[in-house]
């Protein structure tokens, strides 16, 4: 244990971000990792092992979600961080930013209900062979909350074929029994997609909020499997003790 460095997560904060402290609490207080806040105007960040782009409404969602945040000075560093093979997770607005930045394929549309959605849903793990899901099993169902207005993931047919071929679809909306259908798709996302990775499997974007379900008092511990997988991928241990 003495020879293994405590993992440190850099949590990027944009004007309008509102889930940074939830991520900090889940990673540091519950799972024992180290955390640093990174301001959007920073151009680099020292001593971090993974980056979190948390949820919220960066820059007030002007133009569209994530469209302004991609121009923040820190995003050039985030892209270079990914190019080095380091882990990046984008949650809700963070996912939208990764899409706008072109670090993940596809785009976000308004929910097909045309309403903001805030509730628990169920998601099925489609690929357990990633640094973000290695503590989970393929087909496992996790209970996890969503809270978004633009979570309707879209990609063209060619892009969708590529995602499926490369096993880049990581999570799908489903019933609590694992059934994928329009009935259990909360926002109209194509093929019920809730989360995807890049081809290299080191950048993960998802609309559900794992940081909001790491304690039973919140209604679920489903998020532990995702953050714990990241810690295990960095250190070889699912939880830093």
Protein backbone atom coordinates (compact mmCIF):
# COMPACT_ATOMS: atom_id res chain seq x y z
CA UNK A 1 0.00 0.00 0.00
CA UNK A 2 2.86 2.37 0.87
CA UNK A 3 4.17 2.19 -2.70
CA UNK A 4 0.86 3.04 -4.35
CA UNK A 5 0.08 6.71 -4.82
CA UNK A 6 -3.27 7.93 -3.62
CA UNK A 7 -5.31 8.78 -6.74
CA UNK A 8 -6.17 12.44 -7.22
CA UNK A 9 -9.16 13.60 -9.27
CA UNK A 10 -9.22 17.05 -10.80
CA UNK A 11 -12.76 18.45 -10.82
CA UNK A 12 -13.22 21.22 -13.39
CA UNK A 13 -15.44 24.12 -12.33
CA UNK A 14 -17.07 26.41 -14.91
CA UNK A 15 -19.35 29.38 -14.17
CA UNK A 16 -22.69 27.64 -13.64
CA UNK A 17 -21.32 24.25 -12.55
CA UNK A 18 -23.34 23.00 -9.58
CA UNK A 19 -22.33 19.38 -8.95
CA UNK A 20 -18.66 19.84 -8.15
CA UNK A 21 -19.07 19.42 -4.39
CA UNK A 22 -21.19 16.29 -4.87
CA UNK A 23 -18.36 14.78 -6.93
CA UNK A 24 -15.82 15.88 -4.33
CA UNK A 25 -17.83 14.27 -1.52
CA UNK A 26 -18.36 11.00 -3.40
CA UNK A 27 -14.72 10.62 -4.44
CA UNK A 28 -12.94 11.92 -1.35
CA UNK A 29 -15.25 11.42 1.62
CA UNK A 30 -16.84 8.14 0.53
CA UNK A 31 -14.19 6.47 -1.63
CA UNK A 32 -11.10 8.04 -0.10
CA UNK A 33 -9.53 9.50 -3.23
CA UNK A 34 -7.90 12.89 -3.35
CA UNK A 35 -9.62 15.79 -5.12
CA UNK A 36 -8.64 19.18 -6.47
CA UNK A 37 -10.88 21.83 -7.97
CA UNK A 38 -9.67 23.21 -11.30
CA UNK A 39 -10.99 26.62 -12.39
CA UNK A 40 -12.08 27.01 -16.00
CA UNK A 41 -9.55 29.78 -16.60
CA UNK A 42 -6.62 27.57 -15.56
CA UNK A 43 -4.45 26.31 -18.38
CA UNK A 44 -3.06 23.23 -16.63
CA UNK A 45 -3.36 21.14 -13.49
CA UNK A 46 -0.52 19.41 -11.68
CA UNK A 47 -0.62 16.14 -9.79
CA UNK A 48 -3.92 14.69 -10.99
CA UNK A 49 -4.66 11.19 -12.24
CA UNK A 50 -8.14 11.71 -13.70
CA UNK A 51 -10.42 14.58 -14.67
CA UNK A 52 -14.09 15.04 -13.81
CA UNK A 53 -16.30 17.41 -15.80
CA UNK A 54 -19.30 17.66 -13.46
CA UNK A 55 -22.91 18.54 -14.06
CA UNK A 56 -24.58 21.91 -13.97
CA UNK A 57 -25.33 24.70 -16.41
CA UNK A 58 -21.94 25.97 -17.58
CA UNK A 59 -22.20 29.57 -18.77
CA UNK A 60 -25.96 29.38 -18.26
CA UNK A 61 -26.31 26.94 -21.17
CA UNK A 62 -26.18 29.94 -23.53
CA UNK A 63 -26.43 28.99 -27.22
CA UNK A 64 -26.80 25.34 -26.15
CA UNK A 65 -25.46 23.14 -23.37
CA UNK A 66 -21.67 22.99 -23.36
CA UNK A 67 -21.27 25.23 -26.42
CA UNK A 68 -19.47 28.04 -24.57
CA UNK A 69 -17.56 25.90 -22.08
CA UNK A 70 -15.58 24.23 -24.86
CA UNK A 71 -13.76 27.56 -25.40
CA UNK A 72 -12.55 27.76 -21.79
CA UNK A 73 -8.75 27.81 -21.44
CA UNK A 74 -8.75 24.58 -19.41
CA UNK A 75 -10.28 22.56 -22.25
CA UNK A 76 -7.07 22.51 -24.30
CA UNK A 77 -5.39 20.87 -21.32
CA UNK A 78 -8.32 18.44 -20.95
CA UNK A 79 -7.89 17.35 -24.57
CA UNK A 80 -4.13 16.87 -24.14
CA UNK A 81 -4.79 14.96 -20.92
CA UNK A 82 -7.00 12.57 -22.89
CA UNK A 83 -4.41 12.25 -25.63
CA UNK A 84 -1.99 10.96 -22.97
CA UNK A 85 -4.41 8.14 -22.22
CA UNK A 86 -5.56 9.55 -18.88
CA UNK A 87 -9.12 9.05 -17.63
CA UNK A 88 -11.81 11.69 -18.13
CA UNK A 89 -15.44 11.39 -17.07
CA UNK A 90 -18.04 13.92 -18.18
CA UNK A 91 -21.28 13.83 -16.20
CA UNK A 92 -24.46 15.40 -17.64
CA UNK A 93 -23.26 18.91 -18.57
CA UNK A 94 -19.75 17.44 -18.64
CA UNK A 95 -20.94 14.93 -21.25
CA UNK A 96 -22.45 17.77 -23.26
CA UNK A 97 -19.13 19.65 -23.13
CA UNK A 98 -17.21 16.59 -24.35
CA UNK A 99 -19.63 16.30 -27.28
CA UNK A 100 -19.25 19.98 -28.14
CA UNK A 101 -15.47 19.65 -27.88
CA UNK A 102 -15.53 16.71 -30.29
CA UNK A 103 -13.91 14.39 -27.77
CA UNK A 104 -16.95 12.13 -28.01
CA UNK A 105 -19.14 11.60 -31.10
CA UNK A 106 -22.74 12.72 -31.45
CA UNK A 107 -24.82 15.58 -30.05
CA UNK A 108 -27.47 16.38 -27.46
CA UNK A 109 -31.02 17.42 -28.31
CA UNK A 110 -33.82 18.66 -26.08
CA UNK A 111 -35.60 15.91 -24.19
CA UNK A 112 -38.42 14.59 -26.35
CA UNK A 113 -40.82 15.54 -23.54
CA UNK A 114 -39.64 19.17 -23.91
CA UNK A 115 -39.44 19.23 -20.11
CA UNK A 116 -36.65 19.18 -17.56
CA UNK A 117 -36.41 15.67 -16.06
CA UNK A 118 -35.23 14.97 -12.50
CA UNK A 119 -35.77 11.43 -11.23
CA UNK A 120 -34.18 8.05 -10.62
CA UNK A 121 -33.91 5.77 -13.63
CA UNK A 122 -32.29 2.41 -14.29
CA UNK A 123 -29.35 1.88 -16.61
CA UNK A 124 -27.90 -1.36 -17.97
CA UNK A 125 -24.15 -1.88 -18.27
CA UNK A 126 -23.40 -2.76 -21.89
CA UNK A 127 -19.61 -2.95 -21.63
CA UNK A 128 -17.84 -3.91 -18.42
CA UNK A 129 -14.41 -3.93 -20.03
CA UNK A 130 -13.67 -0.23 -19.55
CA UNK A 131 -11.81 1.71 -16.84
CA UNK A 132 -15.18 3.14 -15.80
CA UNK A 133 -17.09 -0.15 -15.49
CA UNK A 134 -14.50 -2.79 -14.56
CA UNK A 135 -16.10 -3.19 -11.11
CA UNK A 136 -19.47 -3.85 -12.73
CA UNK A 137 -20.79 -6.79 -14.74
CA UNK A 138 -22.11 -6.71 -18.27
CA UNK A 139 -25.89 -6.63 -18.03
CA UNK A 140 -25.83 -5.28 -14.47
CA UNK A 141 -28.61 -2.81 -13.67
CA UNK A 142 -27.81 0.29 -11.67
CA UNK A 143 -30.29 2.71 -10.12
CA UNK A 144 -29.07 6.23 -10.80
CA UNK A 145 -30.65 9.70 -11.05
CA UNK A 146 -30.92 11.98 -14.06
CA UNK A 147 -31.56 15.72 -14.06
CA UNK A 148 -31.36 17.41 -17.43
CA UNK A 149 -33.19 19.31 -20.13
CA UNK A 150 -30.97 18.30 -23.04
CA UNK A 151 -30.25 14.60 -22.58
CA UNK A 152 -31.66 13.25 -25.83
CA UNK A 153 -28.48 11.76 -27.30
CA UNK A 154 -28.32 11.68 -31.10
CA UNK A 155 -25.84 10.36 -33.63
CA UNK A 156 -26.27 9.58 -37.32
CA UNK A 157 -26.60 6.03 -38.63
CA UNK A 158 -22.96 5.71 -39.60
CA UNK A 159 -21.84 6.98 -36.23
CA UNK A 160 -24.21 4.67 -34.40
CA UNK A 161 -22.88 1.69 -36.34
CA UNK A 162 -19.38 2.71 -35.26
CA UNK A 163 -20.38 2.96 -31.60
CA UNK A 164 -21.96 -0.48 -31.67
CA UNK A 165 -19.08 -2.07 -33.59
CA UNK A 166 -16.46 -0.70 -31.20
CA UNK A 167 -18.47 -1.45 -28.04
CA UNK A 168 -18.50 2.25 -27.18
CA UNK A 169 -22.05 2.20 -25.82
CA UNK A 170 -21.48 1.79 -22.09
CA UNK A 171 -24.90 2.42 -20.53
CA UNK A 172 -28.49 2.17 -21.80
CA UNK A 173 -31.69 3.30 -20.14
CA UNK A 174 -33.82 0.32 -19.16
CA UNK A 175 -36.45 -1.00 -16.77
CA UNK A 176 -35.44 -2.24 -13.32
CA UNK A 177 -35.45 -5.73 -14.86
CA UNK A 178 -33.08 -4.62 -17.63
CA UNK A 179 -35.59 -4.32 -20.49
CA UNK A 180 -34.59 -1.67 -23.03
CA UNK A 181 -37.64 -0.04 -24.64
CA UNK A 182 -39.18 3.31 -25.51
CA UNK A 183 -41.25 3.07 -22.35
CA UNK A 184 -38.12 3.17 -20.21
CA UNK A 185 -36.25 5.73 -22.30
CA UNK A 186 -36.75 8.99 -20.35
CA UNK A 187 -35.57 11.51 -22.93
CA UNK A 188 -35.79 9.92 -26.40
CA UNK A 189 -32.08 9.15 -26.71
CA UNK A 190 -31.29 7.09 -29.80
CA UNK A 191 -31.12 3.38 -28.95
CA UNK A 192 -31.71 4.37 -25.30
CA UNK A 193 -28.07 5.42 -24.99
CA UNK A 194 -27.22 6.87 -21.57
CA UNK A 195 -23.41 6.84 -21.77
CA UNK A 196 -20.61 6.29 -24.28
CA UNK A 197 -16.81 6.10 -24.42
CA UNK A 198 -14.33 7.17 -27.06
CA UNK A 199 -12.61 4.47 -29.12
CA UNK A 200 -9.63 4.45 -26.76
CA UNK A 201 -11.96 3.87 -23.78
CA UNK A 202 -10.39 6.57 -21.61
CA UNK A 203 -13.05 9.29 -22.08
CA UNK A 204 -16.53 8.53 -20.76
CA UNK A 205 -19.64 10.69 -21.02
CA UNK A 206 -22.93 9.87 -19.33
CA UNK A 207 -26.13 11.76 -18.60
CA UNK A 208 -26.97 10.05 -15.26
CA UNK A 209 -25.28 11.35 -12.09
CA UNK A 210 -23.12 8.73 -10.31
CA UNK A 211 -22.00 11.28 -7.70
CA UNK A 212 -25.63 11.61 -6.55
CA UNK A 213 -26.03 7.93 -5.69
CA UNK A 214 -23.03 6.76 -3.70
CA UNK A 215 -24.87 6.43 -0.36
CA UNK A 216 -27.99 4.51 0.57
CA UNK A 217 -29.39 7.58 2.30
CA UNK A 218 -29.67 9.11 -1.19
CA UNK A 219 -31.65 6.16 -2.49
CA UNK A 220 -28.92 4.15 -4.21
CA UNK A 221 -25.22 3.29 -4.19
CA UNK A 222 -25.15 2.71 -7.95
CA UNK A 223 -22.55 5.40 -8.55
CA UNK A 224 -19.90 3.65 -6.47
CA UNK A 225 -19.41 1.07 -9.20
CA UNK A 226 -18.42 3.77 -11.69
CA UNK A 227 -16.12 5.84 -9.49
CA UNK A 228 -14.74 2.69 -7.85
CA UNK A 229 -13.88 1.34 -11.28
CA UNK A 230 -11.89 4.47 -12.05
CA UNK A 231 -9.96 4.17 -8.80
CA UNK A 232 -9.28 0.51 -9.49
CA UNK A 233 -8.07 1.31 -13.00
CA UNK A 234 -5.64 3.89 -11.62
CA UNK A 235 -4.40 2.04 -8.51
CA UNK A 236 -5.47 -1.58 -8.79
CA UNK A 237 -7.83 -1.14 -5.80
CA UNK A 238 -11.53 -0.37 -6.04
CA UNK A 239 -11.47 1.89 -2.98
CA UNK A 240 -8.66 3.85 -1.42
CA UNK A 241 -8.43 2.83 2.23
